[in-house]
Amino acid sequence: MISRLLPSDEWWKLAGTEADTVWRDLPASACVVAVEDDGVIVGCHVLVPVLHAELLWIHPAYRKRSSVARRLWAAVKQTAIDRFGAVGFQTAAIDDEVRGLLSHVGAVPLPGDHYMVPLKERN
């Protein structure tokens, strides 16, 4: 068995894996880590860089003024497009107020539970 990065011209080998329905749409920046046995994929994990917006904050005195949220939202969207070439981004909501804002702008919940996996111990 070998472990390797699967080049994009071999992503078709992901047919029959969890990535079966998405491998054709993976961005060029994705990396497919695969374990193969005699050329057959027996394990894989797809790494995809994801733009994640977090830590939304508006001063309490300005929270009921729609102009701050509207200006911030317009600037965030434009920055995501101009700086990252994004067509969307992920974010999280920890309360109903943020959920309401996200619903208002057309955000949809992602399936499953999402986790942060630490890659090294924090000091």
PDB file of N, CA and C in Angstrom:
ATOM      1  N   MET A   1       0.833  -1.180   0.000  1.00  0.00           N
ATOM      2  CA  MET A   1       0.000   0.000   0.000  1.00  0.00           C
ATOM      3  C   MET A   1       0.873   1.237   0.000  1.00  0.00           C
ATOM      4  N   ILE A   2       0.344   2.270  -0.652  1.00  0.00           N
ATOM      5  CA  ILE A   2       1.044   3.555  -0.664  1.00  0.00           C
ATOM      6  C   ILE A   2       0.057   4.668  -0.332  1.00  0.00           C
ATOM      7  N   SER A   3       0.599   5.734   0.235  1.00  0.00           N
ATOM      8  CA  SER A   3      -0.162   6.960   0.470  1.00  0.00           C
ATOM      9  C   SER A   3       0.412   8.012  -0.450  1.00  0.00           C
ATOM     10  N   ARG A   4      -0.479   8.774  -1.105  1.00  0.00           N
ATOM     11  CA  ARG A   4       0.014   9.813  -2.006  1.00  0.00           C
ATOM     12  C   ARG A   4      -1.066  10.846  -2.257  1.00  0.00           C
ATOM     13  N   LEU A   5      -0.630  11.983  -2.818  1.00  0.00           N
ATOM     14  CA  LEU A   5      -1.580  12.978  -3.294  1.00  0.00           C
ATOM     15  C   LEU A   5      -2.025  12.549  -4.679  1.00  0.00           C
ATOM     16  N   LEU A   6      -3.317  12.472  -4.866  1.00  0.00           N
ATOM     17  CA  LEU A   6      -3.875  12.044  -6.144  1.00  0.00           C
ATOM     18  C   LEU A   6      -3.928  13.255  -7.076  1.00  0.00           C
ATOM     19  N   PRO A   7      -3.234  13.214  -8.215  1.00  0.00           N
ATOM     20  CA  PRO A   7      -3.292  14.348  -9.141  1.00  0.00           C
ATOM     21  C   PRO A   7      -4.710  14.511  -9.700  1.00  0.00           C
ATOM     22  N   SER A   8      -5.050  15.731 -10.075  1.00  0.00           N
ATOM     23  CA  SER A   8      -6.417  16.015 -10.517  1.00  0.00           C
ATOM     24  C   SER A   8      -6.834  15.181 -11.719  1.00  0.00           C
ATOM     25  N   ASP A   9      -5.892  14.782 -12.558  1.00  0.00           N
ATOM     26  CA  ASP A   9      -6.277  13.958 -13.711  1.00  0.00           C
ATOM     27  C   ASP A   9      -6.602  12.515 -13.308  1.00  0.00           C
ATOM     28  N   GLU A  10      -6.464  12.207 -12.024  1.00  0.00           N
ATOM     29  CA  GLU A  10      -6.848  10.888 -11.509  1.00  0.00           C
ATOM     30  C   GLU A  10      -8.015  10.964 -10.525  1.00  0.00           C
ATOM     31  N   TRP A  11      -8.622  12.141 -10.396  1.00  0.00           N
ATOM     32  CA  TRP A  11      -9.744  12.284  -9.461  1.00  0.00           C
ATOM     33  C   TRP A  11     -10.921  11.398  -9.840  1.00  0.00           C
ATOM     34  N   TRP A  12     -10.989  10.958 -11.075  1.00  0.00           N
ATOM     35  CA  TRP A  12     -12.052  10.035 -11.486  1.00  0.00           C
ATOM     36  C   TRP A  12     -12.025   8.763 -10.648  1.00  0.00           C
ATOM     37  N   LYS A  13     -10.876   8.450 -10.082  1.00  0.00           N
ATOM     38  CA  LYS A  13     -10.762   7.271  -9.226  1.00  0.00           C
ATOM     39  C   LYS A  13     -11.581   7.402  -7.935  1.00  0.00           C
ATOM     40  N   LEU A  14     -12.085   8.606  -7.672  1.00  0.00           N
ATOM     41  CA  LEU A  14     -12.892   8.827  -6.476  1.00  0.00           C
ATOM     42  C   LEU A  14     -14.329   8.325  -6.643  1.00  0.00           C
ATOM     43  N   ALA A  15     -14.669   7.875  -7.828  1.00  0.00           N
ATOM     44  CA  ALA A  15     -15.996   7.289  -8.039  1.00  0.00           C
ATOM     45  C   ALA A  15     -16.161   6.122  -7.066  1.00  0.00           C
ATOM     46  N   GLY A  16     -17.298   6.083  -6.396  1.00  0.00           N
ATOM     47  CA  GLY A  16     -17.553   5.027  -5.421  1.00  0.00           C
ATOM     48  C   GLY A  16     -17.098   5.356  -4.013  1.00  0.00           C
ATOM     49  N   THR A  17     -16.471   6.523  -3.828  1.00  0.00           N
ATOM     50  CA  THR A  17     -16.058   6.971  -2.490  1.00  0.00           C
ATOM     51  C   THR A  17     -17.034   8.043  -2.007  1.00  0.00           C
ATOM     52  N   GLU A  18     -16.809   8.563  -0.826  1.00  0.00           N
ATOM     53  CA  GLU A  18     -17.638   9.662  -0.316  1.00  0.00           C
ATOM     54  C   GLU A  18     -17.562  10.888  -1.224  1.00  0.00           C
ATOM     55  N   ALA A  19     -16.488  11.019  -1.992  1.00  0.00           N
ATOM     56  CA  ALA A  19     -16.303  12.168  -2.888  1.00  0.00           C
ATOM     57  C   ALA A  19     -16.927  11.933  -4.266  1.00  0.00           C
ATOM     58  N   ASP A  20     -17.620  10.828  -4.431  1.00  0.00           N
ATOM     59  CA  ASP A  20     -18.195  10.448  -5.727  1.00  0.00           C
ATOM     60  C   ASP A  20     -19.019  11.557  -6.368  1.00  0.00           C
ATOM     61  N   THR A  21     -19.848  12.235  -5.591  1.00  0.00           N
ATOM     62  CA  THR A  21     -20.752  13.223  -6.169  1.00  0.00           C
ATOM     63  C   THR A  21     -20.131  14.603  -6.331  1.00  0.00           C
ATOM     64  N   VAL A  22     -18.927  14.821  -5.810  1.00  0.00           N
ATOM     65  CA  VAL A  22     -18.343  16.169  -5.857  1.00  0.00           C
ATOM     66  C   VAL A  22     -16.990  16.262  -6.540  1.00  0.00           C
ATOM     67  N   TRP A  23     -16.345  15.144  -6.852  1.00  0.00           N
ATOM     68  CA  TRP A  23     -14.969  15.225  -7.345  1.00  0.00           C
ATOM     69  C   TRP A  23     -14.859  16.055  -8.619  1.00  0.00           C
ATOM     70  N   ARG A  24     -15.882  16.049  -9.456  1.00  0.00           N
ATOM     71  CA  ARG A  24     -15.840  16.836 -10.701  1.00  0.00           C
ATOM     72  C   ARG A  24     -15.864  18.334 -10.432  1.00  0.00           C
ATOM     73  N   ASP A  25     -16.377  18.720  -9.273  1.00  0.00           N
ATOM     74  CA  ASP A  25     -16.532  20.134  -8.939  1.00  0.00           C
ATOM     75  C   ASP A  25     -15.494  20.650  -7.951  1.00  0.00           C
ATOM     76  N   LEU A  26     -14.527  19.834  -7.589  1.00  0.00           N
ATOM     77  CA  LEU A  26     -13.506  20.287  -6.652  1.00  0.00           C
ATOM     78  C   LEU A  26     -12.672  21.404  -7.278  1.00  0.00           C
ATOM     79  N   PRO A  27     -12.341  22.420  -6.490  1.00  0.00           N
ATOM     80  CA  PRO A  27     -11.487  23.483  -7.035  1.00  0.00           C
ATOM     81  C   PRO A  27     -10.068  22.975  -7.260  1.00  0.00           C
ATOM     82  N   ALA A  28      -9.359  23.647  -8.135  1.00  0.00           N
ATOM     83  CA  ALA A  28      -7.975  23.258  -8.435  1.00  0.00           C
ATOM     84  C   ALA A  28      -7.097  23.296  -7.190  1.00  0.00           C
ATOM     85  N   SER A  29      -7.485  24.081  -6.201  1.00  0.00           N
ATOM     86  CA  SER A  29      -6.703  24.194  -4.973  1.00  0.00           C
ATOM     87  C   SER A  29      -6.912  23.009  -4.026  1.00  0.00           C
ATOM     88  N   ALA A  30      -7.841  22.121  -4.348  1.00  0.00           N
ATOM     89  CA  ALA A  30      -8.095  20.949  -3.496  1.00  0.00           C
ATOM     90  C   ALA A  30      -6.942  19.958  -3.595  1.00  0.00           C
ATOM     91  N   CYS A  31      -6.757  19.193  -2.528  1.00  0.00           N
ATOM     92  CA  CYS A  31      -5.781  18.100  -2.511  1.00  0.00           C
ATOM     93  C   CYS A  31      -6.519  16.835  -2.088  1.00  0.00           C
ATOM     94  N   VAL A  32      -6.293  15.777  -2.844  1.00  0.00           N
ATOM     95  CA  VAL A  32      -6.888  14.492  -2.495  1.00  0.00           C
ATOM     96  C   VAL A  32      -5.771  13.606  -1.960  1.00  0.00           C
ATOM     97  N   VAL A  33      -5.858  13.263  -0.682  1.00  0.00           N
ATOM     98  CA  VAL A  33      -4.895  12.364  -0.063  1.00  0.00           C
ATOM     99  C   VAL A  33      -5.488  10.966  -0.157  1.00  0.00           C
ATOM    100  N   ALA A  34      -4.740  10.055  -0.765  1.00  0.00           N
ATOM    101  CA  ALA A  34      -5.281   8.717  -1.004  1.00  0.00           C
ATOM    102  C   ALA A  34      -4.324   7.637  -0.513  1.00  0.00           C
ATOM    103  N   VAL A  35      -4.906   6.534  -0.108  1.00  0.00           N
ATOM    104  CA  VAL A  35      -4.155   5.313   0.175  1.00  0.00           C
ATOM    105  C   VAL A  35      -4.613   4.316  -0.883  1.00  0.00           C
ATOM    106  N   GLU A  36      -3.640   3.736  -1.567  1.00  0.00           N
ATOM    107  CA  GLU A  36      -3.949   2.795  -2.645  1.00  0.00           C
ATOM    108  C   GLU A  36      -3.319   1.440  -2.363  1.00  0.00           C
ATOM    109  N   ASP A  37      -3.999   0.417  -2.803  1.00  0.00           N
ATOM    110  CA  ASP A  37      -3.490  -0.950  -2.759  1.00  0.00           C
ATOM    111  C   ASP A  37      -3.557  -1.470  -4.187  1.00  0.00           C
ATOM    112  N   ASP A  38      -2.399  -1.692  -4.788  1.00  0.00           N
ATOM    113  CA  ASP A  38      -2.317  -2.103  -6.189  1.00  0.00           C
ATOM    114  C   ASP A  38      -3.106  -1.183  -7.111  1.00  0.00           C
ATOM    115  N   GLY A  39      -2.995   0.127  -6.895  1.00  0.00           N
ATOM    116  CA  GLY A  39      -3.641   1.113  -7.756  1.00  0.00           C
ATOM    117  C   GLY A  39      -5.102   1.361  -7.461  1.00  0.00           C
ATOM    118  N   VAL A  40      -5.665   0.668  -6.490  1.00  0.00           N
ATOM    119  CA  VAL A  40      -7.069   0.846  -6.125  1.00  0.00           C
ATOM    120  C   VAL A  40      -7.137   1.691  -4.856  1.00  0.00           C
ATOM    121  N   ILE A  41      -7.959   2.733  -4.870  1.00  0.00           N
ATOM    122  CA  ILE A  41      -8.112   3.570  -3.684  1.00  0.00           C
ATOM    123  C   ILE A  41      -8.846   2.784  -2.607  1.00  0.00           C
ATOM    124  N   VAL A  42      -8.208   2.690  -1.447  1.00  0.00           N
ATOM    125  CA  VAL A  42      -8.826   2.010  -0.300  1.00  0.00           C
ATOM    126  C   VAL A  42      -9.099   2.983   0.846  1.00  0.00           C
ATOM    127  N   GLY A  43      -8.686   4.217   0.669  1.00  0.00           N
ATOM    128  CA  GLY A  43      -8.951   5.265   1.638  1.00  0.00           C
ATOM    129  C   GLY A  43      -8.621   6.610   1.022  1.00  0.00           C
ATOM    130  N   CYS A  44      -9.394   7.626   1.355  1.00  0.00           N
ATOM    131  CA  CYS A  44      -9.093   8.959   0.835  1.00  0.00           C
ATOM    132  C   CYS A  44      -9.708  10.017   1.731  1.00  0.00           C
ATOM    133  N   HIS A  45      -9.148  11.190   1.654  1.00  0.00           N
ATOM    134  CA  HIS A  45      -9.656  12.354   2.375  1.00  0.00           C
ATOM    135  C   HIS A  45      -9.354  13.555   1.490  1.00  0.00           C
ATOM    136  N   VAL A  46     -10.327  14.416   1.290  1.00  0.00           N
ATOM    137  CA  VAL A  46     -10.161  15.580   0.427  1.00  0.00           C
ATOM    138  C   VAL A  46      -9.951  16.815   1.292  1.00  0.00           C
ATOM    139  N   LEU A  47      -8.885  17.533   1.019  1.00  0.00           N
ATOM    140  CA  LEU A  47      -8.596  18.795   1.695  1.00  0.00           C
ATOM    141  C   LEU A  47      -8.954  19.934   0.743  1.00  0.00           C
ATOM    142  N   VAL A  48      -9.861  20.811   1.190  1.00  0.00           N
ATOM    143  CA  VAL A  48     -10.315  21.922   0.361  1.00  0.00           C
ATOM    144  C   VAL A  48     -10.173  23.212   1.162  1.00  0.00           C
ATOM    145  N   PRO A  49      -9.417  24.172   0.646  1.00  0.00           N
ATOM    146  CA  PRO A  49      -9.369  25.459   1.341  1.00  0.00           C
ATOM    147  C   PRO A  49     -10.761  26.094   1.304  1.00  0.00           C
ATOM    148  N   VAL A  50     -11.224  26.564   2.454  1.00  0.00           N
ATOM    149  CA  VAL A  50     -12.561  27.141   2.562  1.00  0.00           C
ATOM    150  C   VAL A  50     -12.451  28.528   3.170  1.00  0.00           C
ATOM    151  N   LEU A  51     -13.114  29.481   2.551  1.00  0.00           N
ATOM    152  CA  LEU A  51     -13.176  30.816   3.132  1.00  0.00           C
ATOM    153  C   LEU A  51     -14.209  30.781   4.252  1.00  0.00           C
ATOM    154  N   HIS A  52     -13.804  31.211   5.428  1.00  0.00           N
ATOM    155  CA  HIS A  52     -14.676  31.158   6.601  1.00  0.00           C
ATOM    156  C   HIS A  52     -14.718  32.535   7.231  1.00  0.00           C
ATOM    157  N   ALA A  53     -15.898  33.115   7.302  1.00  0.00           N
ATOM    158  CA  ALA A  53     -16.068  34.418   7.953  1.00  0.00           C
ATOM    159  C   ALA A  53     -16.517  34.180   9.388  1.00  0.00           C
ATOM    160  N   GLU A  54     -15.912  34.876  10.307  1.00  0.00           N
ATOM    161  CA  GLU A  54     -16.213  34.629  11.715  1.00  0.00           C
ATOM    162  C   GLU A  54     -16.061  35.913  12.509  1.00  0.00           C
ATOM    163  N   LEU A  55     -16.568  35.876  13.724  1.00  0.00           N
ATOM    164  CA  LEU A  55     -16.408  36.935  14.716  1.00  0.00           C
ATOM    165  C   LEU A  55     -17.086  38.247  14.309  1.00  0.00           C
ATOM    166  N   LEU A  56     -18.282  38.136  13.745  1.00  0.00           N
ATOM    167  CA  LEU A  56     -19.093  39.314  13.428  1.00  0.00           C
ATOM    168  C   LEU A  56     -19.354  40.097  14.703  1.00  0.00           C
ATOM    169  N   TRP A  57     -19.136  41.399  14.643  1.00  0.00           N
ATOM    170  CA  TRP A  57     -19.388  42.238  15.800  1.00  0.00           C
ATOM    171  C   TRP A  57     -19.820  43.616  15.335  1.00  0.00           C
ATOM    172  N   ILE A  58     -20.838  44.154  15.969  1.00  0.00           N
ATOM    173  CA  ILE A  58     -21.268  45.533  15.766  1.00  0.00           C
ATOM    174  C   ILE A  58     -21.452  46.131  17.164  1.00  0.00           C
ATOM    175  N   HIS A  59     -20.942  47.304  17.348  1.00  0.00           N
ATOM    176  CA  HIS A  59     -21.046  47.987  18.636  1.00  0.00           C
ATOM    177  C   HIS A  59     -22.501  47.974  19.103  1.00  0.00           C
ATOM    178  N   PRO A  60     -22.733  47.668  20.387  1.00  0.00           N
ATOM    179  CA  PRO A  60     -24.114  47.582  20.882  1.00  0.00           C
ATOM    180  C   PRO A  60     -24.975  48.815  20.559  1.00  0.00           C
ATOM    181  N   ALA A  61     -24.389  49.998  20.588  1.00  0.00           N
ATOM    182  CA  ALA A  61     -25.157  51.211  20.312  1.00  0.00           C
ATOM    183  C   ALA A  61     -25.573  51.325  18.848  1.00  0.00           C
ATOM    184  N   TYR A  62     -24.957  50.504  17.982  1.00  0.00           N
ATOM    185  CA  TYR A  62     -25.234  50.578  16.545  1.00  0.00           C
ATOM    186  C   TYR A  62     -25.966  49.350  16.006  1.00  0.00           C
ATOM    187  N   ARG A  63     -26.270  48.408  16.853  1.00  0.00           N
ATOM    188  CA  ARG A  63     -26.850  47.143  16.397  1.00  0.00           C
ATOM    189  C   ARG A  63     -28.248  47.279  15.811  1.00  0.00           C
ATOM    190  N   LYS A  64     -29.011  48.243  16.225  1.00  0.00           N
ATOM    191  CA  LYS A  64     -30.364  48.406  15.681  1.00  0.00           C
ATOM    192  C   LYS A  64     -30.393  49.386  14.506  1.00  0.00           C
ATOM    193  N   ARG A  65     -29.233  49.839  14.101  1.00  0.00           N
ATOM    194  CA  ARG A  65     -29.132  50.740  12.949  1.00  0.00           C
ATOM    195  C   ARG A  65     -28.731  49.901  11.740  1.00  0.00           C
ATOM    196  N   SER A  66     -29.632  49.740  10.826  1.00  0.00           N
ATOM    197  CA  SER A  66     -29.374  48.847   9.692  1.00  0.00           C
ATOM    198  C   SER A  66     -28.230  49.325   8.800  1.00  0.00           C
ATOM    199  N   SER A  67     -27.889  50.618   8.860  1.00  0.00           N
ATOM    200  CA  SER A  67     -26.837  51.115   7.970  1.00  0.00           C
ATOM    201  C   SER A  67     -25.487  50.481   8.269  1.00  0.00           C
ATOM    202  N   VAL A  68     -25.178  50.200   9.531  1.00  0.00           N
ATOM    203  CA  VAL A  68     -23.888  49.581   9.869  1.00  0.00           C
ATOM    204  C   VAL A  68     -23.843  48.154   9.320  1.00  0.00           C
ATOM    205  N   ALA A  69     -24.873  47.375   9.604  1.00  0.00           N
ATOM    206  CA  ALA A  69     -24.912  45.990   9.119  1.00  0.00           C
ATOM    207  C   ALA A  69     -24.895  45.957   7.587  1.00  0.00           C
ATOM    208  N   ARG A  70     -25.658  46.832   6.966  1.00  0.00           N
ATOM    209  CA  ARG A  70     -25.714  46.865   5.494  1.00  0.00           C
ATOM    210  C   ARG A  70     -24.348  47.209   4.899  1.00  0.00           C
ATOM    211  N   ARG A  71     -23.681  48.216   5.451  1.00  0.00           N
ATOM    212  CA  ARG A  71     -22.353  48.610   4.948  1.00  0.00           C
ATOM    213  C   ARG A  71     -21.326  47.497   5.182  1.00  0.00           C
ATOM    214  N   LEU A  72     -21.371  46.911   6.371  1.00  0.00           N
ATOM    215  CA  LEU A  72     -20.428  45.839   6.691  1.00  0.00           C
ATOM    216  C   LEU A  72     -20.647  44.654   5.759  1.00  0.00           C
ATOM    217  N   TRP A  73     -21.908  44.256   5.565  1.00  0.00           N
ATOM    218  CA  TRP A  73     -22.241  43.125   4.700  1.00  0.00           C
ATOM    219  C   TRP A  73     -21.771  43.374   3.272  1.00  0.00           C
ATOM    220  N   ALA A  74     -22.008  44.562   2.733  1.00  0.00           N
ATOM    221  CA  ALA A  74     -21.571  44.884   1.370  1.00  0.00           C
ATOM    222  C   ALA A  74     -20.052  44.804   1.250  1.00  0.00           C
ATOM    223  N   ALA A  75     -19.343  45.317   2.257  1.00  0.00           N
ATOM    224  CA  ALA A  75     -17.869  45.298   2.220  1.00  0.00           C
ATOM    225  C   ALA A  75     -17.326  43.884   2.353  1.00  0.00           C
ATOM    226  N   VAL A  76     -17.951  43.059   3.211  1.00  0.00           N
ATOM    227  CA  VAL A  76     -17.513  41.667   3.377  1.00  0.00           C
ATOM    228  C   VAL A  76     -17.709  40.905   2.067  1.00  0.00           C
ATOM    229  N   LYS A  77     -18.872  41.039   1.448  1.00  0.00           N
ATOM    230  CA  LYS A  77     -19.132  40.339   0.176  1.00  0.00           C
ATOM    231  C   LYS A  77     -18.129  40.760  -0.895  1.00  0.00           C
ATOM    232  N   GLN A  78     -17.911  42.064  -1.031  1.00  0.00           N
ATOM    233  CA  GLN A  78     -16.995  42.546  -2.066  1.00  0.00           C
ATOM    234  C   GLN A  78     -15.574  42.078  -1.798  1.00  0.00           C
ATOM    235  N   THR A  79     -15.159  42.075  -0.541  1.00  0.00           N
ATOM    236  CA  THR A  79     -13.812  41.608  -0.197  1.00  0.00           C
ATOM    237  C   THR A  79     -13.658  40.125  -0.507  1.00  0.00           C
ATOM    238  N   ALA A  80     -14.674  39.326  -0.176  1.00  0.00           N
ATOM    239  CA  ALA A  80     -14.620  37.887  -0.466  1.00  0.00           C
ATOM    240  C   ALA A  80     -14.461  37.642  -1.961  1.00  0.00           C
ATOM    241  N   ILE A  81     -15.159  38.421  -2.763  1.00  0.00           N
ATOM    242  CA  ILE A  81     -15.075  38.274  -4.222  1.00  0.00           C
ATOM    243  C   ILE A  81     -13.727  38.772  -4.738  1.00  0.00           C
ATOM    244  N   ASP A  82     -13.364  40.015  -4.380  1.00  0.00           N
ATOM    245  CA  ASP A  82     -12.152  40.638  -4.925  1.00  0.00           C
ATOM    246  C   ASP A  82     -10.865  40.003  -4.412  1.00  0.00           C
ATOM    247  N   ARG A  83     -10.802  39.722  -3.133  1.00  0.00           N
ATOM    248  CA  ARG A  83      -9.554  39.242  -2.523  1.00  0.00           C
ATOM    249  C   ARG A  83      -9.358  37.740  -2.686  1.00  0.00           C
ATOM    250  N   PHE A  84     -10.469  36.978  -2.621  1.00  0.00           N
ATOM    251  CA  PHE A  84     -10.365  35.527  -2.623  1.00  0.00           C
ATOM    252  C   PHE A  84     -10.998  34.864  -3.844  1.00  0.00           C
ATOM    253  N   GLY A  85     -11.677  35.632  -4.683  1.00  0.00           N
ATOM    254  CA  GLY A  85     -12.360  35.042  -5.838  1.00  0.00           C
ATOM    255  C   GLY A  85     -13.486  34.114  -5.409  1.00  0.00           C
ATOM    256  N   ALA A  86     -14.046  34.354  -4.248  1.00  0.00           N
ATOM    257  CA  ALA A  86     -15.040  33.450  -3.669  1.00  0.00           C
ATOM    258  C   ALA A  86     -16.398  33.587  -4.346  1.00  0.00           C
ATOM    259  N   VAL A  87     -17.117  32.486  -4.347  1.00  0.00           N
ATOM    260  CA  VAL A  87     -18.514  32.488  -4.777  1.00  0.00           C
ATOM    261  C   VAL A  87     -19.422  32.298  -3.564  1.00  0.00           C
ATOM    262  N   GLY A  88     -18.827  32.124  -2.410  1.00  0.00           N
ATOM    263  CA  GLY A  88     -19.540  31.965  -1.153  1.00  0.00           C
ATOM    264  C   GLY A  88     -18.526  31.771  -0.050  1.00  0.00           C
ATOM    265  N   PHE A  89     -19.011  31.738   1.170  1.00  0.00           N
ATOM    266  CA  PHE A  89     -18.126  31.451   2.298  1.00  0.00           C
ATOM    267  C   PHE A  89     -18.932  30.788   3.394  1.00  0.00           C
ATOM    268  N   GLN A  90     -18.234  30.180   4.323  1.00  0.00           N
ATOM    269  CA  GLN A  90     -18.884  29.543   5.468  1.00  0.00           C
ATOM    270  C   GLN A  90     -18.787  30.457   6.676  1.00  0.00           C
ATOM    271  N   THR A  91     -19.735  30.287   7.564  1.00  0.00           N
ATOM    272  CA  THR A  91     -19.722  31.023   8.818  1.00  0.00           C
ATOM    273  C   THR A  91     -20.504  30.209   9.845  1.00  0.00           C
ATOM    274  N   ALA A  92     -20.581  30.710  11.038  1.00  0.00           N
ATOM    275  CA  ALA A  92     -21.305  30.008  12.103  1.00  0.00           C
ATOM    276  C   ALA A  92     -22.212  30.993  12.829  1.00  0.00           C
ATOM    277  N   ALA A  93     -23.234  30.466  13.456  1.00  0.00           N
ATOM    278  CA  ALA A  93     -24.142  31.276  14.269  1.00  0.00           C
ATOM    279  C   ALA A  93     -24.226  30.649  15.645  1.00  0.00           C
ATOM    280  N   ILE A  94     -24.078  31.483  16.667  1.00  0.00           N
ATOM    281  CA  ILE A  94     -24.160  30.961  18.030  1.00  0.00           C
ATOM    282  C   ILE A  94     -25.414  31.429  18.748  1.00  0.00           C
ATOM    283  N   ASP A  95     -26.213  32.273  18.082  1.00  0.00           N
ATOM    284  CA  ASP A  95     -27.465  32.702  18.706  1.00  0.00           C
ATOM    285  C   ASP A  95     -28.509  32.970  17.627  1.00  0.00           C
ATOM    286  N   ASP A  96     -29.744  33.148  18.061  1.00  0.00           N
ATOM    287  CA  ASP A  96     -30.851  33.323  17.123  1.00  0.00           C
ATOM    288  C   ASP A  96     -30.777  34.636  16.357  1.00  0.00           C
ATOM    289  N   GLU A  97     -30.172  35.643  16.949  1.00  0.00           N
ATOM    290  CA  GLU A  97     -30.034  36.923  16.243  1.00  0.00           C
ATOM    291  C   GLU A  97     -29.159  36.765  15.002  1.00  0.00           C
ATOM    292  N   VAL A  98     -28.030  36.080  15.156  1.00  0.00           N
ATOM    293  CA  VAL A  98     -27.143  35.852  14.018  1.00  0.00           C
ATOM    294  C   VAL A  98     -27.803  34.892  13.021  1.00  0.00           C
ATOM    295  N   ARG A  99     -28.493  33.884  13.520  1.00  0.00           N
ATOM    296  CA  ARG A  99     -29.224  32.984  12.626  1.00  0.00           C
ATOM    297  C   ARG A  99     -30.224  33.761  11.768  1.00  0.00           C
ATOM    298  N   GLY A 100     -30.895  34.710  12.390  1.00  0.00           N
ATOM    299  CA  GLY A 100     -31.848  35.544  11.658  1.00  0.00           C
ATOM    300  C   GLY A 100     -31.170  36.374  10.584  1.00  0.00           C
ATOM    301  N   LEU A 101     -30.022  36.963  10.927  1.00  0.00           N
ATOM    302  CA  LEU A 101     -29.261  37.737   9.936  1.00  0.00           C
ATOM    303  C   LEU A 101     -28.829  36.860   8.770  1.00  0.00           C
ATOM    304  N   LEU A 102     -28.343  35.670   9.099  1.00  0.00           N
ATOM    305  CA  LEU A 102     -27.889  34.759   8.043  1.00  0.00           C
ATOM    306  C   LEU A 102     -29.048  34.321   7.151  1.00  0.00           C
ATOM    307  N   SER A 103     -30.177  34.043   7.749  1.00  0.00           N
ATOM    308  CA  SER A 103     -31.356  33.681   6.968  1.00  0.00           C
ATOM    309  C   SER A 103     -31.765  34.829   6.057  1.00  0.00           C
ATOM    310  N   HIS A 104     -31.687  36.050   6.574  1.00  0.00           N
ATOM    311  CA  HIS A 104     -32.058  37.244   5.817  1.00  0.00           C
ATOM    312  C   HIS A 104     -31.205  37.417   4.552  1.00  0.00           C
ATOM    313  N   VAL A 105     -29.933  37.022   4.627  1.00  0.00           N
ATOM    314  CA  VAL A 105     -29.050  37.187   3.462  1.00  0.00           C
ATOM    315  C   VAL A 105     -28.994  35.924   2.591  1.00  0.00           C
ATOM    316  N   GLY A 106     -29.839  34.942   2.903  1.00  0.00           N
ATOM    317  CA  GLY A 106     -29.928  33.753   2.060  1.00  0.00           C
ATOM    318  C   GLY A 106     -28.983  32.626   2.417  1.00  0.00           C
ATOM    319  N   ALA A 107     -28.341  32.691   3.572  1.00  0.00           N
ATOM    320  CA  ALA A 107     -27.436  31.619   3.993  1.00  0.00           C
ATOM    321  C   ALA A 107     -28.249  30.361   4.312  1.00  0.00           C
ATOM    322  N   VAL A 108     -27.656  29.216   4.041  1.00  0.00           N
ATOM    323  CA  VAL A 108     -28.312  27.944   4.338  1.00  0.00           C
ATOM    324  C   VAL A 108     -27.432  27.132   5.282  1.00  0.00           C
ATOM    325  N   PRO A 109     -28.044  26.442   6.243  1.00  0.00           N
ATOM    326  CA  PRO A 109     -27.253  25.623   7.168  1.00  0.00           C
ATOM    327  C   PRO A 109     -26.548  24.482   6.446  1.00  0.00           C
ATOM    328  N   LEU A 110     -25.366  24.158   6.903  1.00  0.00           N
ATOM    329  CA  LEU A 110     -24.623  23.020   6.361  1.00  0.00           C
ATOM    330  C   LEU A 110     -25.028  21.755   7.121  1.00  0.00           C
ATOM    331  N   PRO A 111     -24.988  20.625   6.438  1.00  0.00           N
ATOM    332  CA  PRO A 111     -25.315  19.384   7.144  1.00  0.00           C
ATOM    333  C   PRO A 111     -24.173  18.944   8.060  1.00  0.00           C
ATOM    334  N   GLY A 112     -24.517  18.194   9.072  1.00  0.00           N
ATOM    335  CA  GLY A 112     -23.503  17.615   9.951  1.00  0.00           C
ATOM    336  C   GLY A 112     -23.004  18.581  10.997  1.00  0.00           C
ATOM    337  N   ASP A 113     -22.172  18.064  11.856  1.00  0.00           N
ATOM    338  CA  ASP A 113     -21.520  18.858  12.885  1.00  0.00           C
ATOM    339  C   ASP A 113     -20.116  19.179  12.398  1.00  0.00           C
ATOM    340  N   HIS A 114     -19.699  20.398  12.560  1.00  0.00           N
ATOM    341  CA  HIS A 114     -18.390  20.813  12.075  1.00  0.00           C
ATOM    342  C   HIS A 114     -17.439  20.996  13.253  1.00  0.00           C
ATOM    343  N   TYR A 115     -16.205  20.628  13.043  1.00  0.00           N
ATOM    344  CA  TYR A 115     -15.199  20.620  14.107  1.00  0.00           C
ATOM    345  C   TYR A 115     -13.917  21.298  13.646  1.00  0.00           C
ATOM    346  N   MET A 116     -13.147  21.780  14.601  1.00  0.00           N
ATOM    347  CA  MET A 116     -11.798  22.276  14.353  1.00  0.00           C
ATOM    348  C   MET A 116     -10.844  21.185  14.815  1.00  0.00           C
ATOM    349  N   VAL A 117      -9.974  20.730  13.931  1.00  0.00           N
ATOM    350  CA  VAL A 117      -8.998  19.692  14.266  1.00  0.00           C
ATOM    351  C   VAL A 117      -7.646  20.350  14.468  1.00  0.00           C
ATOM    352  N   PRO A 118      -7.122  20.365  15.693  1.00  0.00           N
ATOM    353  CA  PRO A 118      -5.811  20.982  15.920  1.00  0.00           C
ATOM    354  C   PRO A 118      -4.713  20.115  15.320  1.00  0.00           C
ATOM    355  N   LEU A 119      -3.755  20.772  14.676  1.00  0.00           N
ATOM    356  CA  LEU A 119      -2.651  20.054  14.049  1.00  0.00           C
ATOM    357  C   LEU A 119      -1.392  20.073  14.890  1.00  0.00           C
ATOM    358  N   LYS A 120      -1.353  20.933  15.889  1.00  0.00           N
ATOM    359  CA  LYS A 120      -0.230  20.927  16.821  1.00  0.00           C
ATOM    360  C   LYS A 120      -0.719  21.469  18.146  1.00  0.00           C
ATOM    361  N   GLU A 121       0.029  21.162  19.175  1.00  0.00           N
ATOM    362  CA  GLU A 121      -0.349  21.580  20.524  1.00  0.00           C
ATOM    363  C   GLU A 121      -0.159  23.078  20.682  1.00  0.00           C
ATOM    364  N   ARG A 122      -1.127  23.705  21.322  1.00  0.00           N
ATOM    365  CA  ARG A 122      -1.027  25.155  21.571  1.00  0.00           C
ATOM    366  C   ARG A 122      -0.154  25.398  22.783  1.00  0.00           C
ATOM    367  N   ASN A 123       0.596  26.485  22.777  1.00  0.00           N
ATOM    368  CA  ASN A 123       1.454  26.857  23.913  1.00  0.00           C
ATOM    369  C   ASN A 123       0.666  27.596  24.947  1.00  0.00           C
TER     370      ASN A 123
END
